[in-house]
Amino acid sequence: MQITIISPLKVRSIGATNCWGRVSRHNSSMLRLERDLCEGMFRRSDGAQAIVATPTLAQGLNLPAHLAILAGDKRADADGREDLKAHELLNAAARAGRAGHLANGLVLLIPDPIIHFDKPNTLSGATVKKLRSILPEDDHCVLVSDPLEVVLDRLMEGDHTDPDVQYTVNRFAVLREVEGGTEEPTHLFDLTKSFGSYLAHKRKAEQVFTQKVATFKTAINAAMPGALDSATAVLATQSGLSAQLLMDLRDRLRDQLDALPTSILAWLEWTLSWLDQDENAREALFGDVESDISAMLGKPTKEGVNSGDFIKLLPALKAWIAGKTIREIEIALGGTPDAASERQRICPRAQELLGALIPRGLSFTLGLISKVMKDLEAGHTHPDVNMHLIETLAAAVRKGYDTPEKLTYASQHKSILSRVSNACCCCSGLALSRSRPQLLELRTSVLISFC
């Protein structure tokens, strides 16, 4: 679905020749700074007249508009295109009009495929059914259901690799291990008292539900780890990751205490090497961004991510934490930002790295490593382990710094908005007490010369 919203400040200019002279775009692949700029320009009276966006714009952003055009009632997914739920369409439509701004808003919904009918004739039954499936009679459109039933249905279909299935099975497996692996139903595992069981009773489908629960218990038993310590159990239940994956990571870190990395860049190299070597960790931690990684490396999406692919990202990650520009990061990924193609000039590979891989996968993974290291008692007493460095890994890489000192400097000087500026200021040896005008002057010169 594509959403177009038109500002109430410019609605009178609709039909004028310059109505579409200033249009912003908004999608999930844009950097946070770009999205903030897009939203800010739309709010200005002399800014953008319209925003053309993907459904990301419908996620609660306070951008009141006079008119919202919803181009389609479907969205792309891994299997093609799927229908949007009624509440998702209503949420997108809510961009038009807002209390305190506009009493009413206009919404134009274009179904996918477009419904054709002759004006003089009555709508066909199929057309009415289609329209009712898109727009409910009122806003009470969220069906109350048991989310566990979705997992049970997918397990019955044999889909054991589904992320929701793995998350649920892993959490139940750890909790059952903590309870001693009992087969007797407890308050946690007695699914006969669940809402799903009640719904099955109402449908007179108790036998089918019992079969689903049996399949679920089989999957839990297969995922139960052995020799589970309390710290790993807590981390597994919090993250939904396999306890076996966490124990393997713990053992890897413990075995290498004498030779663990001593810098953020070295930790990045260690992490990428681990992911290249451990297929289970690769799938569990980065399965949802595999297509993004393939795009970064210039590979066909169907090929997926294989052993040896992660370490290829190291030059670009090194450029990111060293304060290099997006153009330089794009070149490090093998892109061609100086090409004639407009698509190549917007640095698509670097945008995928900064908008998808780092915030959605790598930052979480580094935080996971930090948590496992903190739970290792030997790590706190080992003379060669820098726990302060390890604790700052996730934040430093997410924000683009290669030392804990630069991360601290950035947090203490919030007036410097650019990551590139912060890196240059810190590297130039400026004292933290340097006056604000001097810092602002340096920020301006750096932005002009680097961006």
Protein backbone atom coordinates (compact mmCIF):
# COMPACT_ATOMS: atom_id res chain seq x y z
CA MET A 1 0.00 0.00 0.00
CA GLN A 2 1.14 3.53 -0.77
CA ILE A 3 -0.11 6.41 1.37
CA THR A 4 -0.25 10.00 0.17
CA ILE A 5 -1.24 12.68 2.65
CA ILE A 6 -1.83 16.32 1.81
CA SER A 7 -1.29 19.06 4.37
CA PRO A 8 -4.29 21.17 5.44
CA LEU A 9 -2.14 24.26 4.93
CA LYS A 10 -1.89 23.58 1.18
CA VAL A 11 -5.25 21.99 0.44
CA ARG A 12 -6.54 25.15 -1.23
CA SER A 13 -3.78 24.91 -3.83
CA ILE A 14 -5.04 21.57 -5.16
CA GLY A 15 -5.53 21.96 -8.87
CA ALA A 16 -2.91 24.68 -9.19
CA THR A 17 -0.05 24.03 -11.58
CA ASN A 18 2.50 24.04 -8.76
CA CYS A 19 0.48 21.89 -6.34
CA TRP A 20 2.93 19.00 -6.51
CA GLY A 21 6.03 21.14 -6.63
CA ARG A 22 7.18 20.05 -3.16
CA VAL A 23 6.60 16.39 -2.35
CA SER A 24 8.44 14.34 0.30
CA ARG A 25 8.91 10.61 0.44
CA HIS A 26 8.79 8.50 3.61
CA ASN A 27 9.71 4.82 3.99
CA SER A 28 11.42 2.43 6.39
CA SER A 29 14.66 2.28 4.37
CA MET A 30 15.37 5.96 5.01
CA LEU A 31 17.74 6.97 7.75
CA ARG A 32 16.19 8.34 10.94
CA LEU A 33 17.61 11.78 10.19
CA GLU A 34 16.02 11.69 6.72
CA ARG A 35 12.62 10.68 8.12
CA ASP A 36 12.78 13.44 10.73
CA LEU A 37 13.60 15.95 7.99
CA CYS A 38 10.70 14.71 5.84
CA GLU A 39 8.22 14.99 8.72
CA GLY A 40 9.55 18.39 9.74
CA MET A 41 9.24 19.77 6.22
CA PHE A 42 5.63 18.58 6.00
CA ARG A 43 4.73 20.40 9.22
CA ARG A 44 6.10 23.72 7.92
CA SER A 45 3.70 26.10 6.21
CA ASP A 46 6.25 26.69 3.44
CA GLY A 47 7.46 23.08 3.34
CA ALA A 48 6.33 19.94 1.56
CA GLN A 49 2.79 19.92 0.19
CA ALA A 50 2.41 16.14 0.29
CA ILE A 51 4.11 12.99 1.53
CA VAL A 52 4.19 9.80 -0.52
CA ALA A 53 4.86 6.93 1.85
CA THR A 54 4.74 3.23 2.57
CA PRO A 55 2.59 1.98 5.49
CA THR A 56 5.34 3.07 7.92
CA LEU A 57 3.72 6.50 7.95
CA ALA A 58 0.60 4.97 9.53
CA GLN A 59 2.43 3.92 12.68
CA GLY A 60 1.13 6.64 14.95
CA LEU A 61 3.00 9.64 13.52
CA ASN A 62 1.40 12.93 14.46
CA LEU A 63 1.20 14.41 10.97
CA PRO A 64 -2.37 15.66 10.63
CA ALA A 65 -3.41 16.05 7.01
CA HIS A 66 -6.55 17.14 5.20
CA LEU A 67 -6.53 14.33 2.66
CA ALA A 68 -5.15 10.78 2.80
CA ILE A 69 -5.03 8.69 -0.38
CA LEU A 70 -4.56 4.97 0.31
CA ALA A 71 -3.35 3.41 -2.92
CA GLY A 72 -4.20 -0.25 -2.42
CA ASP A 73 -5.37 -2.49 0.41
CA LYS A 74 -2.48 -4.96 0.18
CA ARG A 75 1.20 -5.04 1.09
CA ALA A 76 4.18 -6.99 -0.14
CA ASP A 77 5.47 -9.91 1.92
CA ALA A 78 7.81 -12.85 1.39
CA ASP A 79 5.11 -14.81 -0.46
CA GLY A 80 3.84 -12.01 -2.69
CA ARG A 81 1.06 -9.67 -1.56
CA GLU A 82 -1.29 -10.02 1.41
CA ASP A 83 -4.43 -8.16 2.44
CA LEU A 84 -4.11 -5.47 5.08
CA LYS A 85 -6.23 -5.94 8.19
CA ALA A 86 -9.16 -3.59 8.72
CA HIS A 87 -7.52 -1.94 11.74
CA GLU A 88 -4.36 -1.30 9.68
CA LEU A 89 -6.39 0.50 7.03
CA LEU A 90 -8.20 2.54 9.66
CA ASN A 91 -4.88 3.46 11.27
CA ALA A 92 -3.58 4.69 7.91
CA ALA A 93 -6.81 6.57 7.27
CA ALA A 94 -6.43 8.29 10.63
CA ARG A 95 -3.63 10.42 9.15
CA ALA A 96 -6.46 12.55 7.73
CA GLY A 97 -7.87 14.88 10.38
CA ARG A 98 -6.76 15.14 14.00
CA ALA A 99 -8.33 16.59 17.14
CA GLY A 100 -7.00 20.08 17.72
CA HIS A 101 -5.98 20.47 14.08
CA LEU A 102 -8.84 19.46 11.79
CA ALA A 103 -12.36 18.47 12.77
CA ASN A 104 -12.70 16.25 9.70
CA GLY A 105 -10.39 14.64 7.17
CA LEU A 106 -10.94 13.13 3.75
CA VAL A 107 -9.84 9.59 2.91
CA LEU A 108 -9.71 8.13 -0.60
CA LEU A 109 -9.18 4.36 -0.66
CA ILE A 110 -8.26 2.74 -3.99
CA PRO A 111 -8.78 -1.06 -3.72
CA ASP A 112 -6.30 -3.49 -5.21
CA PRO A 113 -7.37 -4.59 -7.79
CA ILE A 114 -9.55 -1.62 -8.70
CA ILE A 115 -13.28 -2.37 -8.63
CA HIS A 116 -15.14 -1.35 -11.81
CA PHE A 117 -18.89 -0.75 -11.98
CA ASP A 118 -21.36 1.28 -14.02
CA LYS A 119 -22.83 4.23 -12.17
CA PRO A 120 -26.49 3.56 -13.11
CA ASN A 121 -26.32 -0.06 -12.02
CA THR A 122 -26.44 -1.52 -8.52
CA LEU A 123 -23.17 -2.85 -7.14
CA SER A 124 -22.69 -6.58 -7.57
CA GLY A 125 -22.59 -8.90 -4.59
CA ALA A 126 -18.85 -9.51 -5.10
CA THR A 127 -18.18 -5.78 -5.08
CA VAL A 128 -20.16 -5.23 -1.88
CA LYS A 129 -18.34 -8.11 -0.21
CA LYS A 130 -14.99 -6.66 -1.25
CA LEU A 131 -15.85 -3.21 0.11
CA ARG A 132 -17.12 -4.63 3.39
CA SER A 133 -13.92 -6.63 3.80
CA ILE A 134 -11.92 -3.41 3.50
CA LEU A 135 -13.99 -1.03 5.61
CA PRO A 136 -15.94 -2.36 8.62
CA GLU A 137 -19.27 -0.91 9.67
CA ASP A 138 -17.65 0.65 12.74
CA ASP A 139 -14.21 0.94 14.29
CA HIS A 140 -14.59 -2.21 16.40
CA CYS A 141 -12.55 -4.19 13.90
CA VAL A 142 -9.98 -6.04 16.03
CA LEU A 143 -10.94 -9.67 16.48
CA VAL A 144 -10.10 -11.06 19.91
CA SER A 145 -8.16 -14.30 19.53
CA ASP A 146 -5.51 -16.38 21.27
CA PRO A 147 -2.09 -15.52 19.75
CA LEU A 148 -0.89 -19.00 20.71
CA GLU A 149 -3.32 -20.49 18.18
CA VAL A 150 -1.31 -18.94 15.35
CA VAL A 151 1.78 -20.79 16.58
CA LEU A 152 -0.15 -24.05 17.00
CA ASP A 153 -1.56 -23.80 13.48
CA ARG A 154 1.87 -23.21 11.94
CA LEU A 155 3.35 -26.15 13.86
CA MET A 156 0.55 -28.42 12.63
CA GLU A 157 1.45 -27.32 9.10
CA GLY A 158 5.05 -28.36 9.74
CA ASP A 159 6.48 -24.83 9.71
CA HIS A 160 9.11 -25.22 12.45
CA THR A 161 11.34 -22.45 11.09
CA ASP A 162 8.78 -19.66 11.45
CA PRO A 163 10.24 -16.91 13.71
CA ASP A 164 7.10 -16.76 15.90
CA VAL A 165 7.13 -20.53 16.29
CA GLN A 166 10.81 -20.61 17.25
CA TYR A 167 10.40 -17.74 19.70
CA THR A 168 7.45 -19.37 21.48
CA VAL A 169 8.92 -22.87 21.54
CA ASN A 170 12.26 -21.59 22.87
CA ARG A 171 10.62 -19.67 25.69
CA PHE A 172 8.42 -22.59 26.74
CA ALA A 173 11.36 -25.01 26.51
CA VAL A 174 13.46 -22.90 28.88
CA LEU A 175 10.60 -22.48 31.35
CA ARG A 176 9.91 -26.20 31.33
CA GLU A 177 13.62 -26.88 31.94
CA VAL A 178 13.54 -24.52 34.92
CA GLU A 179 10.48 -26.35 36.29
CA GLY A 180 12.40 -29.62 36.12
CA GLY A 181 11.14 -30.89 32.78
CA THR A 182 7.91 -32.25 34.29
CA GLU A 183 5.38 -33.76 31.92
CA GLU A 184 2.52 -33.00 34.30
CA PRO A 185 0.54 -29.88 33.39
CA THR A 186 1.28 -26.85 35.54
CA HIS A 187 -0.38 -23.46 35.59
CA LEU A 188 1.97 -22.48 32.75
CA PHE A 189 1.62 -25.53 30.50
CA ASP A 190 -2.00 -26.48 31.11
CA LEU A 191 -3.29 -25.19 27.78
CA THR A 192 -6.73 -26.67 28.46
CA LYS A 193 -7.35 -23.48 30.44
CA SER A 194 -6.20 -21.17 27.67
CA PHE A 195 -8.40 -18.85 25.65
CA GLY A 196 -7.61 -20.92 22.58
CA SER A 197 -9.06 -23.99 24.29
CA TYR A 198 -12.22 -22.04 25.11
CA LEU A 199 -12.57 -20.93 21.48
CA ALA A 200 -12.03 -24.51 20.31
CA HIS A 201 -14.78 -25.65 22.69
CA LYS A 202 -17.11 -23.01 21.25
CA ARG A 203 -16.34 -24.31 17.75
CA LYS A 204 -16.69 -27.91 18.95
CA ALA A 205 -13.12 -28.58 17.78
CA GLU A 206 -11.60 -29.85 21.04
CA GLN A 207 -10.00 -32.90 19.39
CA VAL A 208 -8.18 -30.80 16.80
CA PHE A 209 -6.96 -28.44 19.53
CA THR A 210 -5.67 -31.39 21.58
CA GLN A 211 -3.67 -32.61 18.57
CA LYS A 212 -2.17 -29.14 18.13
CA VAL A 213 -1.13 -29.04 21.79
CA ALA A 214 0.50 -32.47 21.49
CA THR A 215 2.54 -31.27 18.51
CA PHE A 216 3.50 -28.17 20.48
CA LYS A 217 4.70 -30.24 23.45
CA THR A 218 6.78 -32.43 21.14
CA ALA A 219 8.51 -29.34 19.75
CA ILE A 220 9.14 -28.06 23.28
CA ASN A 221 10.71 -31.35 24.38
CA ALA A 222 12.98 -31.34 21.33
CA ALA A 223 14.16 -27.80 22.14
CA MET A 224 14.84 -28.37 25.85
CA PRO A 225 18.50 -27.71 26.63
CA GLY A 226 20.66 -29.50 29.15
CA ALA A 227 22.76 -28.16 32.03
CA LEU A 228 21.00 -24.81 31.97
CA ASP A 229 22.28 -22.20 34.43
CA SER A 230 19.97 -19.56 35.86
CA ALA A 231 21.60 -16.60 34.05
CA THR A 232 21.22 -18.27 30.65
CA ALA A 233 17.65 -19.29 31.49
CA VAL A 234 16.72 -15.68 32.30
CA LEU A 235 18.39 -14.37 29.13
CA ALA A 236 16.68 -17.03 27.00
CA THR A 237 13.24 -16.17 28.36
CA GLN A 238 13.87 -12.44 27.91
CA SER A 239 15.14 -12.72 24.34
CA GLY A 240 13.20 -15.73 23.06
CA LEU A 241 16.45 -17.15 21.67
CA SER A 242 17.39 -20.79 21.91
CA ALA A 243 19.06 -21.61 25.21
CA GLN A 244 21.48 -23.84 23.30
CA LEU A 245 22.57 -20.89 21.16
CA LEU A 246 23.24 -18.81 24.29
CA MET A 247 25.17 -21.64 25.96
CA ASP A 248 27.31 -22.09 22.84
CA LEU A 249 28.06 -18.35 22.85
CA ARG A 250 28.89 -18.45 26.56
CA ASP A 251 31.27 -21.37 26.07
CA ARG A 252 32.95 -19.65 23.10
CA LEU A 253 33.56 -16.49 25.13
CA ARG A 254 34.78 -18.41 28.17
CA ASP A 255 37.22 -20.47 26.09
CA GLN A 256 38.71 -17.30 24.56
CA LEU A 257 39.04 -15.15 27.69
CA ASP A 258 42.81 -14.92 27.22
CA ALA A 259 42.51 -13.60 23.67
CA LEU A 260 39.33 -11.53 23.54
CA PRO A 261 39.31 -8.29 21.49
CA THR A 262 40.44 -5.04 23.08
CA SER A 263 38.77 -2.50 20.78
CA ILE A 264 35.32 -1.95 19.25
CA LEU A 265 36.64 -2.65 15.76
CA ALA A 266 38.22 -5.91 16.94
CA TRP A 267 34.96 -6.91 18.63
CA LEU A 268 33.13 -6.30 15.36
CA GLU A 269 35.57 -8.58 13.54
CA TRP A 270 35.14 -11.23 16.27
CA THR A 271 31.36 -11.04 16.01
CA LEU A 272 31.28 -11.27 12.21
CA SER A 273 33.64 -14.26 12.28
CA TRP A 274 31.44 -15.99 14.85
CA LEU A 275 28.34 -15.44 12.71
CA ASP A 276 30.11 -16.78 9.63
CA GLN A 277 31.05 -19.93 11.56
CA ASP A 278 27.74 -20.52 13.39
CA GLU A 279 24.83 -21.09 11.02
CA ASN A 280 22.28 -21.39 13.85
CA ALA A 281 23.30 -18.02 15.31
CA ARG A 282 23.23 -16.48 11.84
CA GLU A 283 19.67 -17.67 11.22
CA ALA A 284 18.34 -16.81 14.69
CA LEU A 285 19.82 -13.32 14.89
CA PHE A 286 19.71 -12.13 11.27
CA GLY A 287 17.06 -14.27 9.59
CA ASP A 288 14.70 -11.31 9.22
CA VAL A 289 17.30 -9.12 7.49
CA GLU A 290 18.82 -11.71 5.14
CA SER A 291 17.43 -9.96 2.08
CA ASP A 292 18.88 -6.65 3.30
CA ILE A 293 22.33 -8.23 3.73
CA SER A 294 22.15 -9.71 0.24
CA ALA A 295 21.29 -6.27 -1.14
CA MET A 296 24.26 -4.72 0.69
CA LEU A 297 26.61 -7.25 -0.85
CA GLY A 298 25.11 -6.95 -4.32
CA LYS A 299 23.88 -10.56 -4.27
CA PRO A 300 20.54 -11.89 -5.56
CA THR A 301 18.08 -12.11 -2.69
CA LYS A 302 17.32 -15.77 -3.42
CA GLU A 303 20.91 -16.79 -2.66
CA GLY A 304 20.51 -15.90 1.02
CA VAL A 305 23.38 -15.30 3.44
CA ASN A 306 26.15 -17.89 3.55
CA SER A 307 29.30 -18.49 5.54
CA GLY A 308 31.87 -15.84 4.68
CA ASP A 309 29.34 -13.14 3.84
CA PHE A 310 29.37 -11.35 7.19
CA ILE A 311 33.09 -10.63 7.24
CA LYS A 312 32.63 -8.82 3.90
CA LEU A 313 30.69 -6.17 5.82
CA LEU A 314 33.69 -5.29 8.01
CA PRO A 315 35.15 -2.50 5.78
CA ALA A 316 31.79 -0.70 5.72
CA LEU A 317 31.29 -1.12 9.47
CA LYS A 318 34.82 0.15 10.04
CA ALA A 319 34.00 3.23 7.96
CA TRP A 320 30.77 3.74 9.92
CA ILE A 321 32.35 3.72 13.38
CA ALA A 322 35.30 5.79 12.14
CA GLY A 323 32.94 8.66 11.30
CA LYS A 324 33.09 8.34 7.52
CA THR A 325 30.32 9.71 5.32
CA ILE A 326 27.54 7.60 3.82
CA ARG A 327 29.17 7.97 0.41
CA GLU A 328 32.40 6.42 1.70
CA ILE A 329 30.43 3.62 3.36
CA GLU A 330 28.66 2.93 0.06
CA ILE A 331 32.02 2.62 -1.70
CA ALA A 332 33.26 0.25 1.02
CA LEU A 333 30.26 -1.98 0.26
CA GLY A 334 31.08 -2.03 -3.46
CA GLY A 335 28.50 0.57 -4.45
CA THR A 336 28.93 3.29 -7.05
CA PRO A 337 27.57 6.55 -5.60
CA ASP A 338 29.04 8.58 -8.50
CA ALA A 339 27.21 6.59 -11.18
CA ALA A 340 24.73 8.19 -13.53
CA SER A 341 21.88 6.09 -12.11
CA GLU A 342 19.79 8.01 -9.59
CA ARG A 343 19.22 4.77 -7.67
CA GLN A 344 22.98 4.29 -7.20
CA ARG A 345 23.55 7.92 -6.26
CA ILE A 346 21.38 7.66 -3.14
CA CYS A 347 23.75 5.02 -1.70
CA PRO A 348 21.25 2.12 -1.40
CA ARG A 349 23.71 -0.36 0.11
CA ALA A 350 24.82 2.04 2.84
CA GLN A 351 21.18 2.89 3.57
CA GLU A 352 20.40 -0.81 4.07
CA LEU A 353 23.37 -1.16 6.41
CA LEU A 354 22.49 1.87 8.52
CA GLY A 355 18.72 1.54 8.37
CA ALA A 356 18.29 -2.23 8.71
CA LEU A 357 21.34 -4.28 9.66
CA ILE A 358 22.80 -2.14 12.44
CA PRO A 359 19.63 -1.14 14.32
CA ARG A 360 17.65 -4.35 13.71
CA GLY A 361 20.33 -7.01 14.05
CA LEU A 362 23.89 -6.04 14.83
CA SER A 363 23.16 -3.75 17.76
CA PHE A 364 21.03 -6.45 19.41
CA THR A 365 23.72 -9.07 18.79
CA LEU A 366 26.44 -6.94 20.37
CA GLY A 367 24.15 -6.26 23.33
CA LEU A 368 23.65 -10.02 23.65
CA ILE A 369 27.42 -10.58 23.73
CA SER A 370 27.75 -7.89 26.39
CA LYS A 371 25.05 -9.50 28.53
CA VAL A 372 26.59 -12.97 28.28
CA MET A 373 30.00 -11.54 29.20
CA LYS A 374 28.54 -9.73 32.21
CA ASP A 375 27.06 -13.03 33.44
CA LEU A 376 30.47 -14.74 33.17
CA GLU A 377 32.07 -14.43 36.60
CA ALA A 378 35.52 -15.13 35.16
CA GLY A 379 35.15 -12.15 32.85
CA HIS A 380 35.01 -9.65 35.72
CA THR A 381 38.24 -10.86 37.29
CA HIS A 382 40.31 -11.55 34.18
CA PRO A 383 43.07 -8.93 33.79
CA ASP A 384 42.80 -8.76 29.97
CA VAL A 385 39.02 -8.23 29.77
CA ASN A 386 37.82 -4.63 29.50
CA MET A 387 34.23 -4.81 30.76
CA HIS A 388 33.64 -1.09 30.24
CA LEU A 389 34.45 -1.49 26.54
CA ILE A 390 32.20 -4.53 26.27
CA GLU A 391 29.27 -2.76 27.95
CA THR A 392 29.43 0.10 25.43
CA LEU A 393 29.64 -2.10 22.32
CA ALA A 394 25.98 -1.97 21.26
CA ALA A 395 25.51 1.76 21.81
CA ALA A 396 28.83 2.71 20.21
CA VAL A 397 28.21 0.73 17.02
CA ARG A 398 24.58 1.83 16.78
CA LYS A 399 25.57 5.51 16.98
CA GLY A 400 28.73 5.15 14.91
CA TYR A 401 31.74 5.50 17.24
CA ASP A 402 34.88 3.39 17.53
CA THR A 403 35.81 4.17 21.14
CA PRO A 404 33.84 4.50 24.41
CA GLU A 405 35.37 7.98 24.77
CA LYS A 406 33.71 9.22 21.57
CA LEU A 407 30.39 7.79 22.74
CA THR A 408 30.75 9.67 26.03
CA TYR A 409 31.77 12.85 24.22
CA ALA A 410 28.68 12.67 22.01
CA SER A 411 26.37 12.19 25.01
CA GLN A 412 27.89 15.23 26.72
CA HIS A 413 27.70 17.47 23.64
CA LYS A 414 24.21 16.96 22.26
CA SER A 415 24.36 20.25 20.35
CA ILE A 416 26.64 18.55 17.82
CA LEU A 417 24.12 16.64 15.78
CA SER A 418 26.41 15.04 13.22
CA ARG A 419 28.16 11.73 13.89
CA VAL A 420 30.94 12.86 11.54
CA SER A 421 31.36 16.08 13.49
CA ASN A 422 31.54 14.26 16.82
CA ALA A 423 34.21 11.91 15.51
CA CYS A 424 36.31 14.81 14.21
CA CYS A 425 35.85 16.90 17.36
CA CYS A 426 36.93 14.05 19.60
CA CYS A 427 39.88 13.10 17.39
CA SER A 428 41.11 16.68 17.25
CA GLY A 429 41.78 16.60 20.98
CA LEU A 430 39.29 19.30 21.98
CA ALA A 431 38.85 19.56 25.73
CA LEU A 432 35.38 18.76 27.01
CA SER A 433 35.31 22.23 28.53
CA ARG A 434 35.81 23.94 25.13
CA SER A 435 33.27 26.72 24.72
CA ARG A 436 30.01 26.17 22.85
CA PRO A 437 30.74 28.78 20.09
CA GLN A 438 34.04 27.06 19.27
CA LEU A 439 32.32 23.68 19.03
CA LEU A 440 29.56 25.06 16.84
CA GLU A 441 32.11 26.72 14.56
CA LEU A 442 33.99 23.44 14.17
CA ARG A 443 30.74 21.56 13.57
CA THR A 444 29.85 23.92 10.72
CA SER A 445 33.23 23.60 9.02
CA VAL A 446 33.22 19.81 9.31
CA LEU A 447 29.70 19.51 7.89
CA ILE A 448 30.63 21.66 4.92
CA SER A 449 33.76 19.72 4.13
CA PHE A 450 32.50 16.19 4.71
CA CYS A 451 28.77 16.00 3.96
